[in-house]
Amino acid sequence: MSDPELIKISGCKNQIRMGDVIFVHGLGGSARSTWHPQQQEDDNNFWPAWLGKDLPNVGIWCLGYEVEALKWKGDKLLGI
């Protein structure tokens, strides 16, 4: 498992920015593909980048980390 990564998208180097927005994906997602429309994974179709253009005084980040839903084995949760 790799370490979590905070990816700079827009406005992150601005020392006087008003705040920060961090996009956090869910189970089975990723820092980039979660925020694209399906089959359109390019920078022109990336929701965090759009927000950065609209809010130039805000740092926009994506948090990337590995996560999967738990997969239970067997018929029972506990062997009681």
PDB file of N, CA and C in Angstrom:
ATOM      1  N   MET A   1       0.855  -1.180   0.000  1.00  0.00           N
ATOM      2  CA  MET A   1       0.000   0.000   0.000  1.00  0.00           C
ATOM      3  C   MET A   1       0.897   1.237   0.000  1.00  0.00           C
ATOM      4  N   SER A   2       0.595   2.178  -0.852  1.00  0.00           N
ATOM      5  CA  SER A   2       1.391   3.400  -0.923  1.00  0.00           C
ATOM      6  C   SER A   2       0.877   4.436   0.069  1.00  0.00           C
ATOM      7  N   ASP A   3       1.727   5.404   0.358  1.00  0.00           N
ATOM      8  CA  ASP A   3       1.368   6.470   1.292  1.00  0.00           C
ATOM      9  C   ASP A   3       0.369   7.429   0.656  1.00  0.00           C
ATOM     10  N   PRO A   4      -0.474   8.057   1.473  1.00  0.00           N
ATOM     11  CA  PRO A   4      -1.387   9.084   0.948  1.00  0.00           C
ATOM     12  C   PRO A   4      -0.591  10.231   0.321  1.00  0.00           C
ATOM     13  N   GLU A   5      -1.181  10.868  -0.668  1.00  0.00           N
ATOM     14  CA  GLU A   5      -0.512  11.952  -1.377  1.00  0.00           C
ATOM     15  C   GLU A   5      -1.463  13.133  -1.518  1.00  0.00           C
ATOM     16  N   LEU A   6      -0.989  14.330  -1.177  1.00  0.00           N
ATOM     17  CA  LEU A   6      -1.763  15.548  -1.353  1.00  0.00           C
ATOM     18  C   LEU A   6      -1.277  16.217  -2.635  1.00  0.00           C
ATOM     19  N   ILE A   7      -2.143  16.286  -3.643  1.00  0.00           N
ATOM     20  CA  ILE A   7      -1.773  16.758  -4.975  1.00  0.00           C
ATOM     21  C   ILE A   7      -2.231  18.202  -5.156  1.00  0.00           C
ATOM     22  N   LYS A   8      -1.289  19.074  -5.528  1.00  0.00           N
ATOM     23  CA  LYS A   8      -1.600  20.480  -5.782  1.00  0.00           C
ATOM     24  C   LYS A   8      -2.308  20.606  -7.129  1.00  0.00           C
ATOM     25  N   ILE A   9      -3.449  21.293  -7.136  1.00  0.00           N
ATOM     26  CA  ILE A   9      -4.199  21.494  -8.376  1.00  0.00           C
ATOM     27  C   ILE A   9      -4.123  22.948  -8.829  1.00  0.00           C
ATOM     28  N   SER A  10      -4.433  23.878  -7.927  1.00  0.00           N
ATOM     29  CA  SER A  10      -4.502  25.284  -8.317  1.00  0.00           C
ATOM     30  C   SER A  10      -4.385  26.178  -7.086  1.00  0.00           C
ATOM     31  N   GLY A  11      -3.669  27.289  -7.203  1.00  0.00           N
ATOM     32  CA  GLY A  11      -3.620  28.298  -6.152  1.00  0.00           C
ATOM     33  C   GLY A  11      -2.899  27.895  -4.881  1.00  0.00           C
ATOM     34  N   CYS A  12      -2.219  26.779  -4.867  1.00  0.00           N
ATOM     35  CA  CYS A  12      -1.616  26.252  -3.641  1.00  0.00           C
ATOM     36  C   CYS A  12      -0.361  27.004  -3.211  1.00  0.00           C
ATOM     37  N   LYS A  13       0.296  27.673  -4.137  1.00  0.00           N
ATOM     38  CA  LYS A  13       1.508  28.428  -3.808  1.00  0.00           C
ATOM     39  C   LYS A  13       1.207  29.860  -3.391  1.00  0.00           C
ATOM     40  N   ASN A  14      -0.045  30.281  -3.517  1.00  0.00           N
ATOM     41  CA  ASN A  14      -0.458  31.633  -3.145  1.00  0.00           C
ATOM     42  C   ASN A  14      -0.393  31.770  -1.622  1.00  0.00           C
ATOM     43  N   GLN A  15       0.573  32.530  -1.126  1.00  0.00           N
ATOM     44  CA  GLN A  15       0.780  32.672   0.315  1.00  0.00           C
ATOM     45  C   GLN A  15      -0.332  33.452   1.011  1.00  0.00           C
ATOM     46  N   ILE A  16      -1.110  34.224   0.258  1.00  0.00           N
ATOM     47  CA  ILE A  16      -2.190  35.013   0.874  1.00  0.00           C
ATOM     48  C   ILE A  16      -3.572  34.509   0.443  1.00  0.00           C
ATOM     49  N   ARG A  17      -3.655  33.219   0.127  1.00  0.00           N
ATOM     50  CA  ARG A  17      -4.945  32.657  -0.286  1.00  0.00           C
ATOM     51  C   ARG A  17      -5.939  32.712   0.867  1.00  0.00           C
ATOM     52  N   MET A  18      -7.210  32.737   0.525  1.00  0.00           N
ATOM     53  CA  MET A  18      -8.279  32.873   1.510  1.00  0.00           C
ATOM     54  C   MET A  18      -8.595  31.565   2.225  1.00  0.00           C
ATOM     55  N   GLY A  19      -8.254  30.455   1.634  1.00  0.00           N
ATOM     56  CA  GLY A  19      -8.533  29.152   2.235  1.00  0.00           C
ATOM     57  C   GLY A  19      -8.126  28.047   1.286  1.00  0.00           C
ATOM     58  N   ASP A  20      -8.499  26.841   1.635  1.00  0.00           N
ATOM     59  CA  ASP A  20      -8.165  25.670   0.833  1.00  0.00           C
ATOM     60  C   ASP A  20      -9.380  24.760   0.703  1.00  0.00           C
ATOM     61  N   VAL A  21      -9.462  24.072  -0.428  1.00  0.00           N
ATOM     62  CA  VAL A  21     -10.463  23.028  -0.652  1.00  0.00           C
ATOM     63  C   VAL A  21      -9.686  21.753  -0.966  1.00  0.00           C
ATOM     64  N   ILE A  22     -10.002  20.682  -0.266  1.00  0.00           N
ATOM     65  CA  ILE A  22      -9.346  19.397  -0.505  1.00  0.00           C
ATOM     66  C   ILE A  22     -10.399  18.399  -0.969  1.00  0.00           C
ATOM     67  N   PHE A  23     -10.229  17.874  -2.174  1.00  0.00           N
ATOM     68  CA  PHE A  23     -11.124  16.858  -2.718  1.00  0.00           C
ATOM     69  C   PHE A  23     -10.666  15.495  -2.212  1.00  0.00           C
ATOM     70  N   VAL A  24     -11.579  14.752  -1.596  1.00  0.00           N
ATOM     71  CA  VAL A  24     -11.277  13.430  -1.042  1.00  0.00           C
ATOM     72  C   VAL A  24     -12.205  12.412  -1.708  1.00  0.00           C
ATOM     73  N   HIS A  25     -11.631  11.459  -2.406  1.00  0.00           N
ATOM     74  CA  HIS A  25     -12.438  10.446  -3.106  1.00  0.00           C
ATOM     75  C   HIS A  25     -12.925   9.379  -2.128  1.00  0.00           C
ATOM     76  N   GLY A  26     -13.825   8.544  -2.601  1.00  0.00           N
ATOM     77  CA  GLY A  26     -14.392   7.488  -1.768  1.00  0.00           C
ATOM     78  C   GLY A  26     -13.813   6.121  -2.094  1.00  0.00           C
ATOM     79  N   LEU A  27     -14.507   5.085  -1.661  1.00  0.00           N
ATOM     80  CA  LEU A  27     -14.064   3.705  -1.867  1.00  0.00           C
ATOM     81  C   LEU A  27     -13.912   3.387  -3.348  1.00  0.00           C
ATOM     82  N   GLY A  28     -12.777   2.830  -3.703  1.00  0.00           N
ATOM     83  CA  GLY A  28     -12.537   2.430  -5.083  1.00  0.00           C
ATOM     84  C   GLY A  28     -12.221   3.576  -6.025  1.00  0.00           C
ATOM     85  N   GLY A  29     -12.149   4.801  -5.525  1.00  0.00           N
ATOM     86  CA  GLY A  29     -11.870   5.956  -6.371  1.00  0.00           C
ATOM     87  C   GLY A  29     -10.395   6.292  -6.398  1.00  0.00           C
ATOM     88  N   SER A  30     -10.079   7.396  -7.044  1.00  0.00           N
ATOM     89  CA  SER A  30      -8.704   7.889  -7.069  1.00  0.00           C
ATOM     90  C   SER A  30      -8.724   9.412  -7.070  1.00  0.00           C
ATOM     91  N   ALA A  31      -7.569   9.987  -6.797  1.00  0.00           N
ATOM     92  CA  ALA A  31      -7.462  11.441  -6.690  1.00  0.00           C
ATOM     93  C   ALA A  31      -7.797  12.155  -7.991  1.00  0.00           C
ATOM     94  N   ARG A  32      -7.627  11.499  -9.114  1.00  0.00           N
ATOM     95  CA  ARG A  32      -7.911  12.152 -10.388  1.00  0.00           C
ATOM     96  C   ARG A  32      -9.168  11.611 -11.063  1.00  0.00           C
ATOM     97  N   SER A  33      -9.283  10.302 -11.215  1.00  0.00           N
ATOM     98  CA  SER A  33     -10.394   9.763 -12.012  1.00  0.00           C
ATOM     99  C   SER A  33     -11.764  10.009 -11.387  1.00  0.00           C
ATOM    100  N   THR A  34     -11.837  10.131 -10.080  1.00  0.00           N
ATOM    101  CA  THR A  34     -13.124  10.378  -9.416  1.00  0.00           C
ATOM    102  C   THR A  34     -13.756  11.687  -9.868  1.00  0.00           C
ATOM    103  N   TRP A  35     -12.946  12.665 -10.200  1.00  0.00           N
ATOM    104  CA  TRP A  35     -13.444  14.022 -10.476  1.00  0.00           C
ATOM    105  C   TRP A  35     -13.572  14.327 -11.958  1.00  0.00           C
ATOM    106  N   HIS A  36     -13.516  13.314 -12.813  1.00  0.00           N
ATOM    107  CA  HIS A  36     -13.721  13.456 -14.258  1.00  0.00           C
ATOM    108  C   HIS A  36     -15.056  12.843 -14.650  1.00  0.00           C
ATOM    109  N   PRO A  37     -15.697  13.359 -15.699  1.00  0.00           N
ATOM    110  CA  PRO A  37     -16.827  12.621 -16.271  1.00  0.00           C
ATOM    111  C   PRO A  37     -16.306  11.291 -16.827  1.00  0.00           C
ATOM    112  N   GLN A  38     -17.147  10.286 -16.871  1.00  0.00           N
ATOM    113  CA  GLN A  38     -16.718   8.991 -17.403  1.00  0.00           C
ATOM    114  C   GLN A  38     -16.189   9.132 -18.822  1.00  0.00           C
ATOM    115  N   GLN A  39     -15.114   8.432 -19.104  1.00  0.00           N
ATOM    116  CA  GLN A  39     -14.480   8.382 -20.425  1.00  0.00           C
ATOM    117  C   GLN A  39     -13.913   9.732 -20.874  1.00  0.00           C
ATOM    118  N   GLN A  40     -13.730  10.680 -19.970  1.00  0.00           N
ATOM    119  CA  GLN A  40     -13.199  11.999 -20.345  1.00  0.00           C
ATOM    120  C   GLN A  40     -12.118  12.424 -19.354  1.00  0.00           C
ATOM    121  N   GLU A  41     -11.124  11.579 -19.149  1.00  0.00           N
ATOM    122  CA  GLU A  41     -10.098  11.859 -18.154  1.00  0.00           C
ATOM    123  C   GLU A  41      -8.973  12.708 -18.731  1.00  0.00           C
ATOM    124  N   ASP A  42      -9.245  13.976 -18.933  1.00  0.00           N
ATOM    125  CA  ASP A  42      -8.229  14.928 -19.346  1.00  0.00           C
ATOM    126  C   ASP A  42      -8.406  16.194 -18.519  1.00  0.00           C
ATOM    127  N   ASP A  43      -7.416  17.091 -18.562  1.00  0.00           N
ATOM    128  CA  ASP A  43      -7.454  18.282 -17.712  1.00  0.00           C
ATOM    129  C   ASP A  43      -8.559  19.263 -18.077  1.00  0.00           C
ATOM    130  N   ASN A  44      -9.135  19.159 -19.274  1.00  0.00           N
ATOM    131  CA  ASN A  44     -10.248  20.029 -19.647  1.00  0.00           C
ATOM    132  C   ASN A  44     -11.554  19.590 -18.998  1.00  0.00           C
ATOM    133  N   ASN A  45     -11.601  18.374 -18.503  1.00  0.00           N
ATOM    134  CA  ASN A  45     -12.804  17.817 -17.879  1.00  0.00           C
ATOM    135  C   ASN A  45     -12.490  17.368 -16.455  1.00  0.00           C
ATOM    136  N   PHE A  46     -11.965  18.276 -15.665  1.00  0.00           N
ATOM    137  CA  PHE A  46     -11.510  17.955 -14.308  1.00  0.00           C
ATOM    138  C   PHE A  46     -12.114  18.964 -13.344  1.00  0.00           C
ATOM    139  N   TRP A  47     -13.071  18.510 -12.548  1.00  0.00           N
ATOM    140  CA  TRP A  47     -13.846  19.401 -11.699  1.00  0.00           C
ATOM    141  C   TRP A  47     -12.991  20.258 -10.758  1.00  0.00           C
ATOM    142  N   PRO A  48     -11.964  19.731 -10.085  1.00  0.00           N
ATOM    143  CA  PRO A  48     -11.138  20.590  -9.230  1.00  0.00           C
ATOM    144  C   PRO A  48     -10.457  21.726  -9.996  1.00  0.00           C
ATOM    145  N   ALA A  49     -10.036  21.479 -11.232  1.00  0.00           N
ATOM    146  CA  ALA A  49      -9.414  22.544 -12.031  1.00  0.00           C
ATOM    147  C   ALA A  49     -10.427  23.625 -12.379  1.00  0.00           C
ATOM    148  N   TRP A  50     -11.664  23.219 -12.676  1.00  0.00           N
ATOM    149  CA  TRP A  50     -12.716  24.209 -12.949  1.00  0.00           C
ATOM    150  C   TRP A  50     -12.924  25.100 -11.734  1.00  0.00           C
ATOM    151  N   LEU A  51     -12.969  24.512 -10.560  1.00  0.00           N
ATOM    152  CA  LEU A  51     -13.171  25.290  -9.336  1.00  0.00           C
ATOM    153  C   LEU A  51     -12.008  26.255  -9.116  1.00  0.00           C
ATOM    154  N   GLY A  52     -10.794  25.802  -9.420  1.00  0.00           N
ATOM    155  CA  GLY A  52      -9.621  26.663  -9.288  1.00  0.00           C
ATOM    156  C   GLY A  52      -9.691  27.888 -10.183  1.00  0.00           C
ATOM    157  N   LYS A  53     -10.246  27.739 -11.374  1.00  0.00           N
ATOM    158  CA  LYS A  53     -10.407  28.886 -12.275  1.00  0.00           C
ATOM    159  C   LYS A  53     -11.436  29.871 -11.729  1.00  0.00           C
ATOM    160  N   ASP A  54     -12.476  29.351 -11.094  1.00  0.00           N
ATOM    161  CA  ASP A  54     -13.525  30.210 -10.533  1.00  0.00           C
ATOM    162  C   ASP A  54     -13.117  30.855  -9.213  1.00  0.00           C
ATOM    163  N   LEU A  55     -12.211  30.212  -8.483  1.00  0.00           N
ATOM    164  CA  LEU A  55     -11.785  30.705  -7.165  1.00  0.00           C
ATOM    165  C   LEU A  55     -10.262  30.839  -7.120  1.00  0.00           C
ATOM    166  N   PRO A  56      -9.697  31.859  -7.774  1.00  0.00           N
ATOM    167  CA  PRO A  56      -8.240  31.978  -7.855  1.00  0.00           C
ATOM    168  C   PRO A  56      -7.555  32.269  -6.521  1.00  0.00           C
ATOM    169  N   ASN A  57      -8.290  32.715  -5.519  1.00  0.00           N
ATOM    170  CA  ASN A  57      -7.701  33.014  -4.210  1.00  0.00           C
ATOM    171  C   ASN A  57      -7.849  31.865  -3.222  1.00  0.00           C
ATOM    172  N   VAL A  58      -8.132  30.672  -3.734  1.00  0.00           N
ATOM    173  CA  VAL A  58      -8.310  29.486  -2.899  1.00  0.00           C
ATOM    174  C   VAL A  58      -7.376  28.393  -3.407  1.00  0.00           C
ATOM    175  N   GLY A  59      -6.711  27.704  -2.487  1.00  0.00           N
ATOM    176  CA  GLY A  59      -5.883  26.560  -2.860  1.00  0.00           C
ATOM    177  C   GLY A  59      -6.765  25.343  -3.097  1.00  0.00           C
ATOM    178  N   ILE A  60      -6.563  24.669  -4.217  1.00  0.00           N
ATOM    179  CA  ILE A  60      -7.343  23.476  -4.563  1.00  0.00           C
ATOM    180  C   ILE A  60      -6.392  22.275  -4.562  1.00  0.00           C
ATOM    181  N   TRP A  61      -6.752  21.261  -3.814  1.00  0.00           N
ATOM    182  CA  TRP A  61      -5.932  20.065  -3.644  1.00  0.00           C
ATOM    183  C   TRP A  61      -6.788  18.822  -3.851  1.00  0.00           C
ATOM    184  N   CYS A  62      -6.143  17.702  -4.180  1.00  0.00           N
ATOM    185  CA  CYS A  62      -6.795  16.384  -4.195  1.00  0.00           C
ATOM    186  C   CYS A  62      -5.980  15.452  -3.310  1.00  0.00           C
ATOM    187  N   LEU A  63      -6.664  14.715  -2.473  1.00  0.00           N
ATOM    188  CA  LEU A  63      -6.004  13.731  -1.627  1.00  0.00           C
ATOM    189  C   LEU A  63      -6.095  12.372  -2.305  1.00  0.00           C
ATOM    190  N   GLY A  64      -4.963  11.765  -2.527  1.00  0.00           N
ATOM    191  CA  GLY A  64      -4.923  10.439  -3.130  1.00  0.00           C
ATOM    192  C   GLY A  64      -4.475   9.409  -2.113  1.00  0.00           C
ATOM    193  N   TYR A  65      -5.177   8.299  -2.061  1.00  0.00           N
ATOM    194  CA  TYR A  65      -4.835   7.210  -1.144  1.00  0.00           C
ATOM    195  C   TYR A  65      -5.469   5.933  -1.668  1.00  0.00           C
ATOM    196  N   GLU A  66      -4.908   4.802  -1.286  1.00  0.00           N
ATOM    197  CA  GLU A  66      -5.457   3.516  -1.717  1.00  0.00           C
ATOM    198  C   GLU A  66      -6.534   3.080  -0.740  1.00  0.00           C
ATOM    199  N   VAL A  67      -7.679   2.667  -1.278  1.00  0.00           N
ATOM    200  CA  VAL A  67      -8.763   2.187  -0.420  1.00  0.00           C
ATOM    201  C   VAL A  67      -9.664   1.259  -1.236  1.00  0.00           C
ATOM    202  N   GLU A  68     -10.085   0.185  -0.600  1.00  0.00           N
ATOM    203  CA  GLU A  68     -11.034  -0.741  -1.221  1.00  0.00           C
ATOM    204  C   GLU A  68     -12.107  -1.080  -0.205  1.00  0.00           C
ATOM    205  N   ALA A  69     -13.253  -1.442  -0.690  1.00  0.00           N
ATOM    206  CA  ALA A  69     -14.309  -1.915   0.202  1.00  0.00           C
ATOM    207  C   ALA A  69     -13.874  -3.254   0.796  1.00  0.00           C
ATOM    208  N   LEU A  70     -14.293  -3.508   2.005  1.00  0.00           N
ATOM    209  CA  LEU A  70     -13.964  -4.787   2.635  1.00  0.00           C
ATOM    210  C   LEU A  70     -14.657  -5.920   1.908  1.00  0.00           C
ATOM    211  N   LYS A  71     -13.971  -7.000   1.765  1.00  0.00           N
ATOM    212  CA  LYS A  71     -14.548  -8.182   1.132  1.00  0.00           C
ATOM    213  C   LYS A  71     -14.607  -9.278   2.189  1.00  0.00           C
ATOM    214  N   TRP A  72     -15.808  -9.590   2.628  1.00  0.00           N
ATOM    215  CA  TRP A  72     -15.981 -10.616   3.645  1.00  0.00           C
ATOM    216  C   TRP A  72     -15.841 -11.984   3.007  1.00  0.00           C
ATOM    217  N   LYS A  73     -15.221 -12.894   3.741  1.00  0.00           N
ATOM    218  CA  LYS A  73     -15.060 -14.260   3.257  1.00  0.00           C
ATOM    219  C   LYS A  73     -15.905 -15.183   4.107  1.00  0.00           C
ATOM    220  N   GLY A  74     -16.563 -16.100   3.481  1.00  0.00           N
ATOM    221  CA  GLY A  74     -17.396 -17.043   4.207  1.00  0.00           C
ATOM    222  C   GLY A  74     -18.817 -16.540   4.350  1.00  0.00           C
ATOM    223  N   ASP A  75     -19.618 -17.331   5.046  1.00  0.00           N
ATOM    224  CA  ASP A  75     -21.033 -17.007   5.207  1.00  0.00           C
ATOM    225  C   ASP A  75     -21.328 -16.146   6.424  1.00  0.00           C
ATOM    226  N   LYS A  76     -20.399 -16.085   7.366  1.00  0.00           N
ATOM    227  CA  LYS A  76     -20.674 -15.402   8.627  1.00  0.00           C
ATOM    228  C   LYS A  76     -19.600 -14.367   8.914  1.00  0.00           C
ATOM    229  N   LEU A  77     -20.008 -13.311   9.599  1.00  0.00           N
ATOM    230  CA  LEU A  77     -19.038 -12.304  10.003  1.00  0.00           C
ATOM    231  C   LEU A  77     -18.165 -12.816  11.139  1.00  0.00           C
ATOM    232  N   LEU A  78     -18.758 -13.545  12.064  1.00  0.00           N
ATOM    233  CA  LEU A  78     -18.029 -14.098  13.207  1.00  0.00           C
ATOM    234  C   LEU A  78     -18.220 -15.603  13.241  1.00  0.00           C
ATOM    235  N   GLY A  79     -17.183 -16.309  13.543  1.00  0.00           N
ATOM    236  CA  GLY A  79     -17.285 -17.761  13.634  1.00  0.00           C
ATOM    237  C   GLY A  79     -17.766 -18.209  15.001  1.00  0.00           C
ATOM    238  N   ILE A  80     -18.981 -17.848  15.346  1.00  0.00           N
ATOM    239  CA  ILE A  80     -19.529 -18.193  16.671  1.00  0.00           C
ATOM    240  C   ILE A  80     -20.430 -19.405  16.541  1.00  0.00           C
TER     241      ILE A  80
END
